[in-house]
N, C-alpha and C. Protein backbone atom coordinates (compact mmCIF):
# COMPACT_ATOMS: atom_id res chain seq x y z
N MET A 1 -17.95 -10.94 4.48
CA MET A 1 -16.89 -10.85 4.21
C MET A 1 -15.58 -10.10 4.94
N SER A 2 -14.37 -10.58 4.93
CA SER A 2 -13.63 -10.09 5.87
C SER A 2 -12.48 -9.20 5.08
N TYR A 3 -12.31 -8.19 5.86
CA TYR A 3 -11.22 -7.22 5.31
C TYR A 3 -10.17 -7.33 6.11
N SER A 4 -8.77 -7.15 5.62
CA SER A 4 -7.64 -6.76 5.92
C SER A 4 -6.70 -5.58 5.45
N THR A 5 -5.88 -5.39 6.24
CA THR A 5 -4.81 -4.23 5.52
C THR A 5 -3.39 -4.74 5.73
N GLN A 6 -2.75 -4.87 4.39
CA GLN A 6 -1.46 -5.23 4.24
C GLN A 6 -0.68 -4.12 4.69
N PHE A 7 0.72 -4.09 5.19
CA PHE A 7 1.78 -3.01 5.42
C PHE A 7 2.95 -3.40 5.21
N TYR A 8 3.47 -2.35 4.37
CA TYR A 8 4.73 -2.50 3.58
C TYR A 8 5.46 -1.27 4.47
N VAL A 9 6.66 -1.91 4.59
CA VAL A 9 7.87 -0.93 5.15
C VAL A 9 8.71 -0.41 4.01
N VAL A 10 8.88 0.64 3.60
CA VAL A 10 9.59 1.39 2.59
C VAL A 10 10.02 2.67 2.52
N ASP A 11 11.14 2.85 1.95
CA ASP A 11 11.33 4.12 2.15
C ASP A 11 10.70 4.71 1.03
N ILE A 12 9.71 5.63 1.55
CA ILE A 12 8.80 6.54 0.74
C ILE A 12 9.14 7.72 -0.19
N GLU A 13 10.47 8.17 0.07
CA GLU A 13 11.27 9.11 -1.02
C GLU A 13 11.69 8.18 -2.00
N ARG A 14 11.95 6.89 -1.77
CA ARG A 14 12.51 6.17 -3.07
C ARG A 14 11.26 5.59 -3.88
N LEU A 15 10.17 5.37 -3.14
CA LEU A 15 8.86 4.86 -3.84
C LEU A 15 8.49 5.94 -4.86
N LYS A 16 8.58 7.56 -4.30
CA LYS A 16 7.87 8.81 -4.60
C LYS A 16 9.09 8.69 -5.87
N SER A 17 10.00 8.51 -6.04
CA SER A 17 11.25 8.76 -6.97
C SER A 17 11.06 8.03 -8.52
N ALA A 18 9.92 6.80 -8.56
CA ALA A 18 10.03 5.97 -9.06
C ALA A 18 8.94 6.48 -10.01
N PHE A 19 7.93 7.24 -9.57
CA PHE A 19 7.15 7.72 -10.17
C PHE A 19 7.33 8.88 -11.30
N GLY A 20 7.21 8.41 -12.38
CA GLY A 20 7.96 9.48 -13.88
C GLY A 20 9.47 9.08 -13.94
N SER A 21 10.03 8.09 -13.51
CA SER A 21 11.49 7.96 -13.32
C SER A 21 11.84 7.39 -14.43
N ASN A 22 11.15 6.83 -15.70
CA ASN A 22 10.99 6.08 -16.71
C ASN A 22 12.05 4.86 -16.70
N ASP A 23 12.27 4.11 -15.31
CA ASP A 23 13.28 3.27 -14.99
C ASP A 23 12.66 2.13 -15.36
N ASP A 24 13.53 1.67 -16.55
CA ASP A 24 12.77 0.35 -17.20
C ASP A 24 13.57 -0.74 -16.56
N ALA A 25 14.64 -0.48 -15.97
CA ALA A 25 15.25 -1.65 -15.15
C ALA A 25 13.96 -1.89 -13.99
N LEU A 26 13.74 -1.01 -13.24
CA LEU A 26 12.63 -1.33 -12.05
C LEU A 26 11.49 -1.91 -12.40
N LEU A 27 10.71 -1.34 -13.69
CA LEU A 27 9.64 -1.89 -14.36
C LEU A 27 9.88 -3.62 -14.58
N ARG A 28 10.84 -3.87 -15.55
CA ARG A 28 11.35 -5.32 -15.77
C ARG A 28 11.60 -6.16 -14.40
N ALA A 29 12.35 -5.58 -13.57
CA ALA A 29 12.73 -6.40 -12.29
C ALA A 29 11.29 -6.80 -11.40
N THR A 30 10.31 -5.54 -11.20
CA THR A 30 8.89 -5.67 -10.80
C THR A 30 8.13 -6.69 -11.41
N VAL A 31 8.11 -6.67 -12.71
CA VAL A 31 6.99 -7.33 -13.14
C VAL A 31 7.94 -8.94 -13.09
N ARG A 32 9.10 -9.16 -13.35
CA ARG A 32 9.39 -10.39 -13.31
C ARG A 32 9.18 -11.14 -11.71
N ASP A 33 9.83 -9.92 -11.01
CA ASP A 33 9.94 -10.52 -9.43
C ASP A 33 8.23 -10.51 -8.58
N GLN A 34 7.52 -10.11 -9.30
CA GLN A 34 6.40 -10.17 -8.81
C GLN A 34 5.09 -10.84 -9.63
N ALA A 35 5.63 -11.89 -10.66
CA ALA A 35 4.99 -12.12 -11.53
C ALA A 35 3.58 -13.24 -11.25
N ALA A 36 3.72 -13.54 -10.21
CA ALA A 36 2.59 -14.67 -9.48
C ALA A 36 1.51 -13.49 -8.80
N GLU A 37 1.84 -12.41 -8.22
CA GLU A 37 0.98 -11.49 -8.10
C GLU A 37 -0.19 -10.90 -9.16
N ILE A 38 0.65 -10.50 -10.08
CA ILE A 38 0.18 -10.15 -11.30
C ILE A 38 -0.39 -10.96 -12.34
N GLU A 39 -0.10 -12.16 -12.32
CA GLU A 39 -1.08 -13.22 -12.87
C GLU A 39 -2.09 -13.41 -11.98
N SER A 40 -2.02 -13.48 -10.54
CA SER A 40 -3.56 -13.26 -9.60
C SER A 40 -4.62 -12.35 -9.83
N ASN A 41 -3.66 -11.19 -9.86
CA ASN A 41 -4.48 -9.55 -10.18
C ASN A 41 -5.31 -10.11 -11.65
N SER A 42 -4.94 -10.74 -12.63
CA SER A 42 -5.22 -10.64 -14.06
C SER A 42 -6.18 -11.67 -14.09
N GLU A 43 -6.33 -12.70 -13.13
CA GLU A 43 -7.19 -13.74 -12.96
C GLU A 43 -8.47 -13.17 -12.20
N TRP A 44 -7.99 -12.43 -11.26
CA TRP A 44 -9.12 -11.95 -10.12
C TRP A 44 -9.70 -10.81 -10.97
N PHE A 45 -9.61 -10.10 -11.72
CA PHE A 45 -9.99 -8.87 -12.52
C PHE A 45 -10.24 -9.17 -13.97
N GLN A 46 -10.31 -10.60 -14.18
CA GLN A 46 -10.33 -10.61 -15.74
C GLN A 46 -11.64 -9.75 -16.03
N PRO A 47 -12.79 -9.88 -15.54
CA PRO A 47 -13.76 -9.39 -16.19
C PRO A 47 -14.02 -7.89 -16.29
N GLU A 48 -13.16 -6.91 -15.27
CA GLU A 48 -13.00 -5.92 -15.32
C GLU A 48 -12.02 -5.36 -16.79
N ILE A 49 -11.08 -6.17 -16.75
CA ILE A 49 -10.16 -6.14 -18.14
C ILE A 49 -10.58 -6.44 -19.36
N ASN A 50 -11.53 -7.30 -19.63
CA ASN A 50 -11.78 -7.98 -21.06
C ASN A 50 -13.25 -7.20 -21.08
N GLU A 51 -14.15 -6.59 -20.11
CA GLU A 51 -15.51 -6.39 -20.31
C GLU A 51 -15.47 -4.30 -20.46
N GLU A 52 -15.07 -4.14 -19.13
CA GLU A 52 -14.90 -2.74 -18.78
C GLU A 52 -13.60 -1.90 -19.16
N GLY A 53 -12.75 -2.49 -19.82
CA GLY A 53 -11.41 -1.76 -20.35
C GLY A 53 -10.61 -1.56 -19.26
N ALA A 54 -10.46 -2.05 -18.08
CA ALA A 54 -9.81 -1.99 -17.03
C ALA A 54 -8.20 -2.19 -17.36
N PRO A 55 -6.91 -1.44 -17.23
CA PRO A 55 -5.72 -1.91 -17.72
C PRO A 55 -5.39 -2.93 -16.62
N ARG A 56 -4.46 -3.86 -17.29
CA ARG A 56 -3.89 -5.03 -16.52
C ARG A 56 -2.81 -4.18 -15.80
N VAL A 57 -2.44 -4.64 -14.77
CA VAL A 57 -1.97 -3.90 -13.45
C VAL A 57 -0.56 -3.93 -13.98
N GLU A 58 0.21 -4.74 -14.83
CA GLU A 58 1.46 -4.40 -15.25
C GLU A 58 1.44 -3.19 -16.07
N GLN A 59 0.68 -2.77 -17.07
CA GLN A 59 0.09 -1.41 -17.51
C GLN A 59 0.04 -0.38 -16.67
N ALA A 60 -0.79 -0.61 -15.77
CA ALA A 60 -0.86 0.49 -14.62
C ALA A 60 0.79 0.59 -14.00
N LEU A 61 1.37 -0.16 -13.98
CA LEU A 61 2.54 0.16 -13.09
C LEU A 61 3.64 0.87 -14.19
N ALA A 62 3.38 0.01 -15.35
CA ALA A 62 4.21 1.16 -16.50
C ALA A 62 4.01 2.52 -16.32
N GLU A 63 2.73 2.66 -16.17
CA GLU A 63 2.24 4.22 -16.59
C GLU A 63 2.37 4.96 -15.49
N ILE A 64 2.78 4.48 -14.22
CA ILE A 64 3.09 5.18 -13.25
C ILE A 64 4.69 5.24 -13.24
N ILE A 65 5.55 4.47 -13.49
CA ILE A 65 6.68 4.72 -13.66
C ILE A 65 7.03 5.43 -14.76
N ARG A 66 6.14 5.74 -15.77
CA ARG A 66 6.27 6.64 -16.74
C ARG A 66 5.81 7.82 -16.36
N GLY A 67 5.24 8.21 -15.49
CA GLY A 67 4.79 9.37 -15.24
C GLY A 67 3.31 9.71 -15.58
N SER A 68 3.19 8.69 -16.63
CA SER A 68 1.81 9.34 -17.38
C SER A 68 0.56 8.43 -17.40
N VAL A 69 -0.24 8.60 -15.82
CA VAL A 69 -1.41 7.53 -15.34
C VAL A 69 -2.78 8.36 -16.35
N ASN A 70 -3.12 7.21 -17.09
CA ASN A 70 -4.43 7.57 -17.81
C ASN A 70 -5.31 6.81 -17.49
N VAL A 71 -6.07 7.10 -16.59
CA VAL A 71 -6.95 5.84 -16.07
C VAL A 71 -8.55 6.09 -16.58
N PRO A 72 -8.62 4.90 -17.02
CA PRO A 72 -10.00 4.74 -17.79
C PRO A 72 -10.93 5.06 -16.51
N GLU A 73 -12.27 5.67 -16.89
CA GLU A 73 -13.50 5.48 -15.69
C GLU A 73 -13.70 4.51 -15.08
N ASP A 74 -13.78 4.38 -13.46
CA ASP A 74 -14.19 3.15 -12.63
C ASP A 74 -12.98 2.03 -12.58
N CYS A 75 -11.51 2.62 -13.21
CA CYS A 75 -10.27 1.33 -13.63
C CYS A 75 -9.32 1.91 -12.21
N GLU A 76 -9.88 3.02 -11.08
CA GLU A 76 -8.82 3.43 -10.59
C GLU A 76 -7.86 2.34 -9.77
N PHE A 77 -8.63 1.09 -9.07
CA PHE A 77 -8.15 0.39 -8.75
C PHE A 77 -6.98 -0.16 -9.04
N GLN A 78 -6.98 -0.63 -10.11
CA GLN A 78 -5.51 -0.99 -10.83
C GLN A 78 -4.05 -0.23 -10.44
N TYR A 79 -4.60 1.00 -10.34
CA TYR A 79 -3.50 2.03 -10.05
C TYR A 79 -3.07 1.90 -8.25
N GLY A 80 -3.88 1.48 -7.70
CA GLY A 80 -3.66 0.94 -6.30
C GLY A 80 -2.92 -0.20 -6.18
N TYR A 81 -3.51 -1.09 -7.20
CA TYR A 81 -2.74 -2.41 -7.10
C TYR A 81 -1.61 -2.69 -7.76
N ALA A 82 -1.10 -1.68 -8.53
CA ALA A 82 -0.01 -1.32 -9.05
C ALA A 82 0.86 -0.64 -8.14
N LEU A 83 0.43 -0.16 -7.37
CA LEU A 83 1.46 0.66 -5.98
C LEU A 83 1.64 -0.50 -5.57
N GLU A 84 1.17 -1.03 -5.11
CA GLU A 84 0.78 -2.35 -4.25
C GLU A 84 2.29 -3.08 -4.55
N LEU A 85 2.56 -3.50 -6.11
CA LEU A 85 3.66 -4.22 -6.71
C LEU A 85 4.70 -3.45 -6.47
N LEU A 86 4.78 -1.94 -6.51
CA LEU A 86 6.15 -1.20 -6.31
C LEU A 86 6.70 -1.89 -4.95
N CYS A 87 5.46 -1.59 -3.93
CA CYS A 87 5.70 -1.64 -2.49
C CYS A 87 6.32 -2.68 -2.39
N MET A 88 6.01 -3.76 -2.73
CA MET A 88 6.42 -5.32 -2.93
C MET A 88 8.11 -4.87 -3.29
N GLN A 89 8.20 -4.88 -4.09
CA GLN A 89 9.65 -4.53 -4.89
C GLN A 89 10.59 -3.59 -3.92
N LEU A 90 9.94 -2.58 -3.82
CA LEU A 90 11.17 -1.77 -2.97
C LEU A 90 10.92 -1.60 -1.69
N GLY A 91 10.21 -2.28 -0.69
CA GLY A 91 9.92 -2.50 0.52
C GLY A 91 9.71 -4.06 0.83
N GLU A 92 9.03 -3.98 1.85
CA GLU A 92 9.14 -4.99 2.77
C GLU A 92 7.69 -5.43 3.22
N ARG A 93 7.01 -6.62 3.09
CA ARG A 93 5.58 -6.72 3.65
C ARG A 93 5.75 -7.25 5.22
N VAL A 94 5.10 -6.54 5.96
CA VAL A 94 5.12 -6.82 7.37
C VAL A 94 4.10 -8.06 7.35
N LYS A 95 4.66 -9.18 7.71
CA LYS A 95 4.05 -10.40 7.86
C LYS A 95 3.14 -10.83 9.39
N GLU A 96 4.41 -10.30 9.88
CA GLU A 96 4.27 -10.28 11.71
C GLU A 96 2.96 -9.68 12.05
N ALA A 97 2.46 -8.50 11.15
CA ALA A 97 1.31 -8.16 11.66
C ALA A 97 -0.09 -8.72 11.47
N GLY A 98 -0.20 -10.07 10.92
CA GLY A 98 -1.24 -10.81 10.78
C GLY A 98 -2.28 -9.91 10.25
N ASP A 99 -3.47 -10.41 10.35
CA ASP A 99 -4.54 -9.76 9.89
C ASP A 99 -5.24 -8.67 10.86
N VAL A 100 -4.69 -7.16 10.43
CA VAL A 100 -5.58 -6.28 11.06
C VAL A 100 -6.67 -5.44 10.37
N SER A 101 -7.81 -5.70 11.03
CA SER A 101 -9.12 -5.35 10.24
C SER A 101 -9.08 -3.65 9.62
N PHE A 102 -9.96 -3.07 9.65
CA PHE A 102 -10.08 -1.77 9.56
C PHE A 102 -9.09 -0.92 10.31
N LEU A 103 -8.01 -0.19 10.14
CA LEU A 103 -7.64 0.71 10.81
C LEU A 103 -8.14 2.10 11.41
N HIS A 104 -9.45 2.59 10.62
CA HIS A 104 -10.31 3.78 11.16
C HIS A 104 -10.97 2.99 12.48
N GLU A 105 -11.14 1.61 12.93
CA GLU A 105 -11.53 1.53 13.80
C GLU A 105 -11.01 1.19 15.01
N LEU A 106 -9.40 1.75 14.81
CA LEU A 106 -8.59 1.98 16.22
C LEU A 106 -8.58 3.15 16.77
N PRO A 107 -8.49 3.31 18.02
CA PRO A 107 -8.97 4.40 18.90
C PRO A 107 -7.71 5.65 19.03
N PHE A 108 -6.70 5.73 17.85
CA PHE A 108 -5.90 6.81 18.18
C PHE A 108 -5.62 7.35 16.75
N GLY A 109 -4.86 8.42 16.45
CA GLY A 109 -4.86 9.53 15.72
C GLY A 109 -4.70 9.03 14.52
N ARG A 110 -4.02 7.87 14.26
CA ARG A 110 -3.98 7.24 12.74
C ARG A 110 -3.56 7.93 11.67
N LYS A 111 -2.25 8.86 11.53
CA LYS A 111 -1.99 9.45 10.64
C LYS A 111 -1.82 8.53 9.40
N LEU A 112 -1.76 7.51 9.50
CA LEU A 112 -1.57 6.71 8.44
C LEU A 112 -3.01 6.59 7.25
N LEU A 113 -3.92 6.94 8.18
CA LEU A 113 -5.59 6.80 7.46
C LEU A 113 -5.54 8.18 6.84
N ASP A 114 -4.52 8.92 6.11
CA ASP A 114 -4.81 10.27 5.33
C ASP A 114 -5.26 10.01 4.24
N GLY A 115 -5.65 8.51 3.64
CA GLY A 115 -6.55 8.41 2.72
C GLY A 115 -5.67 8.72 1.61
N ARG A 116 -4.51 8.92 1.10
CA ARG A 116 -3.69 9.43 -0.01
C ARG A 116 -2.79 8.06 0.05
N ALA A 117 -2.49 8.57 -1.34
CA ALA A 117 -1.35 7.23 -2.12
C ALA A 117 0.12 8.02 -1.80
N PRO A 118 1.04 7.79 -1.43
CA PRO A 118 2.45 8.38 -1.59
C PRO A 118 2.84 8.74 -2.88
N VAL A 119 2.31 8.70 -3.86
CA VAL A 119 2.83 9.05 -5.08
C VAL A 119 1.37 9.44 -5.87
N SER A 120 1.32 10.14 -7.19
CA SER A 120 0.56 10.79 -7.75
C SER A 120 -0.67 9.77 -8.67
N ILE A 121 -1.31 8.83 -8.13
CA ILE A 121 -2.36 8.04 -8.58
C ILE A 121 -3.90 8.48 -8.08
N PRO A 122 -4.80 8.40 -9.04
CA PRO A 122 -6.32 8.98 -8.62
C PRO A 122 -6.80 8.06 -7.75
N PRO A 123 -7.35 8.22 -6.51
CA PRO A 123 -7.73 7.63 -5.70
C PRO A 123 -9.02 6.79 -6.06
N SER A 124 -8.87 5.61 -5.57
CA SER A 124 -10.18 4.59 -5.84
C SER A 124 -11.25 4.96 -4.96
N PRO A 125 -12.86 4.78 -5.55
CA PRO A 125 -13.62 5.03 -4.64
C PRO A 125 -14.11 3.77 -4.08
N ASP A 126 -13.38 2.83 -4.85
CA ASP A 126 -13.75 1.71 -3.90
C ASP A 126 -12.30 0.78 -3.06
N PHE A 127 -12.17 -0.22 -3.21
CA PHE A 127 -10.78 -0.61 -2.69
C PHE A 127 -9.49 -0.43 -3.90
N PRO A 128 -8.06 -0.86 -3.62
CA PRO A 128 -7.82 -0.57 -2.10
C PRO A 128 -8.31 0.74 -1.75
N GLU A 129 -7.88 0.65 -0.35
CA GLU A 129 -7.98 2.10 0.38
C GLU A 129 -6.56 1.95 0.63
N ILE A 130 -5.67 3.43 0.20
CA ILE A 130 -4.14 3.10 0.70
C ILE A 130 -3.74 4.67 1.39
N GLY A 131 -3.09 4.17 2.20
CA GLY A 131 -2.43 5.18 3.06
C GLY A 131 -0.98 5.24 3.20
N HIS A 132 -0.27 6.04 3.50
CA HIS A 132 1.36 6.24 4.20
C HIS A 132 1.25 6.97 5.19
N LEU A 133 2.43 6.69 5.95
CA LEU A 133 3.24 7.37 6.87
C LEU A 133 4.62 7.43 6.67
N LEU A 134 4.98 8.47 6.63
CA LEU A 134 6.48 9.20 6.49
C LEU A 134 7.24 8.70 7.30
N ALA A 135 8.60 8.26 7.14
CA ALA A 135 9.21 7.67 8.39
C ALA A 135 9.63 8.90 9.42
N ALA A 136 9.38 10.14 9.27
CA ALA A 136 9.72 10.96 10.35
C ALA A 136 8.26 10.95 11.15
N ASP A 137 7.21 10.34 10.81
CA ASP A 137 5.80 10.22 11.41
C ASP A 137 5.58 9.09 12.42
N VAL A 138 6.58 8.22 12.13
CA VAL A 138 6.50 6.58 12.77
C VAL A 138 6.49 6.80 14.07
N PHE A 139 7.74 7.81 14.57
CA PHE A 139 7.77 7.41 16.13
C PHE A 139 6.47 7.97 17.12
N GLY A 140 5.91 9.34 16.69
CA GLY A 140 4.55 9.75 17.20
C GLY A 140 3.57 8.87 17.16
N GLU A 141 3.14 8.35 15.93
CA GLU A 141 2.21 7.16 15.89
C GLU A 141 2.63 5.61 16.63
N LEU A 142 3.75 5.29 17.06
CA LEU A 142 4.36 4.45 17.64
C LEU A 142 3.95 4.69 18.99
N ALA A 143 4.07 6.21 19.95
CA ALA A 143 3.77 6.44 21.14
C ALA A 143 2.16 6.58 21.23
N ARG A 144 1.31 6.81 20.20
CA ARG A 144 -0.04 6.76 20.08
C ARG A 144 -0.74 5.37 20.54
N VAL A 145 -0.09 4.34 20.08
CA VAL A 145 -0.19 3.04 19.53
C VAL A 145 0.00 2.70 20.94
N ARG A 146 1.30 2.71 21.82
CA ARG A 146 1.61 2.10 22.85
C ARG A 146 0.64 2.65 23.78
N GLU A 147 0.39 3.87 23.99
CA GLU A 147 -0.54 4.42 25.13
C GLU A 147 -1.96 3.98 24.38
N ALA A 148 -2.64 3.50 23.78
CA ALA A 148 -3.96 2.73 23.41
C ALA A 148 -3.58 1.48 23.86
N ILE A 149 -2.61 0.89 23.78
CA ILE A 149 -2.13 -0.34 23.96
C ILE A 149 -2.56 -0.70 25.86
N ALA A 150 -2.26 0.51 26.29
CA ALA A 150 -1.84 0.59 27.79
C ALA A 150 -3.37 0.57 28.35
N ASP A 151 -4.03 1.48 27.70
CA ASP A 151 -5.72 1.41 27.94
C ASP A 151 -6.20 0.18 27.60
N GLY A 152 -5.73 -0.56 26.99
CA GLY A 152 -6.31 -1.80 26.59
C GLY A 152 -7.69 -1.54 25.62
N ASP A 153 -7.61 -0.57 24.90
CA ASP A 153 -8.55 -0.70 23.63
C ASP A 153 -8.15 -1.35 22.82
N HIS A 154 -9.13 -2.43 21.78
CA HIS A 154 -8.59 -2.73 20.55
C HIS A 154 -7.20 -3.54 20.58
N GLN A 155 -7.05 -4.25 21.80
CA GLN A 155 -5.59 -4.78 21.98
C GLN A 155 -5.22 -5.60 20.83
N TYR A 156 -5.79 -6.64 20.30
CA TYR A 156 -5.32 -7.39 19.41
C TYR A 156 -5.08 -6.50 18.21
N ASP A 157 -5.64 -5.76 17.56
CA ASP A 157 -5.56 -5.01 16.37
C ASP A 157 -4.19 -3.89 16.58
N CYS A 158 -4.21 -3.70 17.65
CA CYS A 158 -3.04 -2.60 18.13
C CYS A 158 -1.75 -3.17 18.33
N GLU A 159 -1.95 -4.25 18.82
CA GLU A 159 -0.55 -4.99 19.08
C GLU A 159 0.06 -5.69 17.53
N ARG A 160 -1.02 -5.75 16.76
CA ARG A 160 -0.19 -6.02 15.48
C ARG A 160 0.24 -4.97 14.55
N TYR A 161 -0.52 -3.50 14.85
CA TYR A 161 -0.35 -2.28 13.98
C TYR A 161 0.63 -2.18 14.90
N LEU A 162 1.38 -1.95 16.08
CA LEU A 162 2.53 -1.99 16.76
C LEU A 162 3.47 -2.57 16.38
N ARG A 163 3.76 -3.68 15.67
CA ARG A 163 4.71 -4.65 14.93
C ARG A 163 5.06 -3.84 13.83
N VAL A 164 3.95 -3.21 13.02
CA VAL A 164 4.31 -2.96 11.72
C VAL A 164 5.46 -1.61 12.09
N LEU A 165 4.53 -0.38 13.16
CA LEU A 165 5.65 0.75 13.53
C LEU A 165 6.63 0.19 14.08
N GLU A 166 7.20 -0.57 14.82
CA GLU A 166 8.35 -1.15 14.94
C GLU A 166 9.30 -1.29 13.97
N LYS A 167 8.62 -2.01 13.22
CA LYS A 167 9.48 -2.45 11.93
C LYS A 167 9.97 -1.43 11.40
N ALA A 168 9.24 -0.54 11.02
CA ALA A 168 9.26 0.68 10.40
C ALA A 168 10.41 1.44 11.11
N TYR A 169 10.09 1.83 12.46
CA TYR A 169 11.05 2.73 13.11
C TYR A 169 12.38 2.18 12.96
N ALA A 170 12.44 0.82 13.42
CA ALA A 170 13.75 0.16 13.37
C ALA A 170 14.60 0.20 11.99
N ALA A 171 13.94 0.32 10.81
CA ALA A 171 14.60 0.57 9.80
C ALA A 171 14.57 1.81 9.51
N GLY A 172 14.06 2.59 9.84
CA GLY A 172 14.06 4.46 9.59
C GLY A 172 12.94 4.72 8.21
N LYS A 173 12.16 3.63 7.94
CA LYS A 173 11.61 3.83 6.84
C LYS A 173 9.91 4.41 6.89
N GLY A 174 9.57 4.74 6.30
CA GLY A 174 7.98 4.92 6.14
C GLY A 174 7.14 3.59 5.82
N ILE A 175 5.91 3.69 6.07
CA ILE A 175 4.85 2.87 5.97
C ILE A 175 3.74 3.28 4.66
N VAL A 176 3.34 1.82 3.88
CA VAL A 176 2.28 2.27 3.02
C VAL A 176 1.47 1.07 3.24
N SER A 177 -0.14 1.28 3.63
CA SER A 177 -0.71 0.31 4.11
C SER A 177 -2.29 0.07 2.71
N PHE A 178 -2.37 -1.01 2.70
CA PHE A 178 -3.40 -1.49 1.51
C PHE A 178 -4.70 -2.10 2.30
N THR A 179 -5.58 -1.63 2.25
CA THR A 179 -6.78 -2.48 2.69
C THR A 179 -7.94 -2.98 1.99
N TYR A 180 -8.31 -4.31 1.89
CA TYR A 180 -9.12 -4.55 1.13
C TYR A 180 -9.65 -5.64 1.34
């Protein structure tokens, strides 16, 4: 099986402010605009939802926006996917990055791999793996990746990750990554 990382350029402070905001307009807009992703998630995780009590992703999204995350045991993954819906809604997926495999295999500092989501959701013991990089840290990471490319290590993935960093730097925003 092949894994990939999706990157979103997003205003991290705006994303953080969504947690506990009770912003029903944001919830409705996200459910409306990301309906295809929500349907895909429901189909993919139907056994976990029907048999193991996992929340539907839109329920997890609502809990994040309300600031009251009640995670059933072994169901943390849905909150990660709900966070990704918020990143889709509030940010922009960097499609130019193509497929980047696991970031931890790249030869530089990787502040993005702190293993933490930018909002208070429980970490999933499995996928998605979530990381984030604040806008203030993008330039330093950009310099490290450029140096790694100059050294010729992991050129393919480094060039794709470089596109993500350049886009975030130009926008003055941070990055949230999801690996699955």
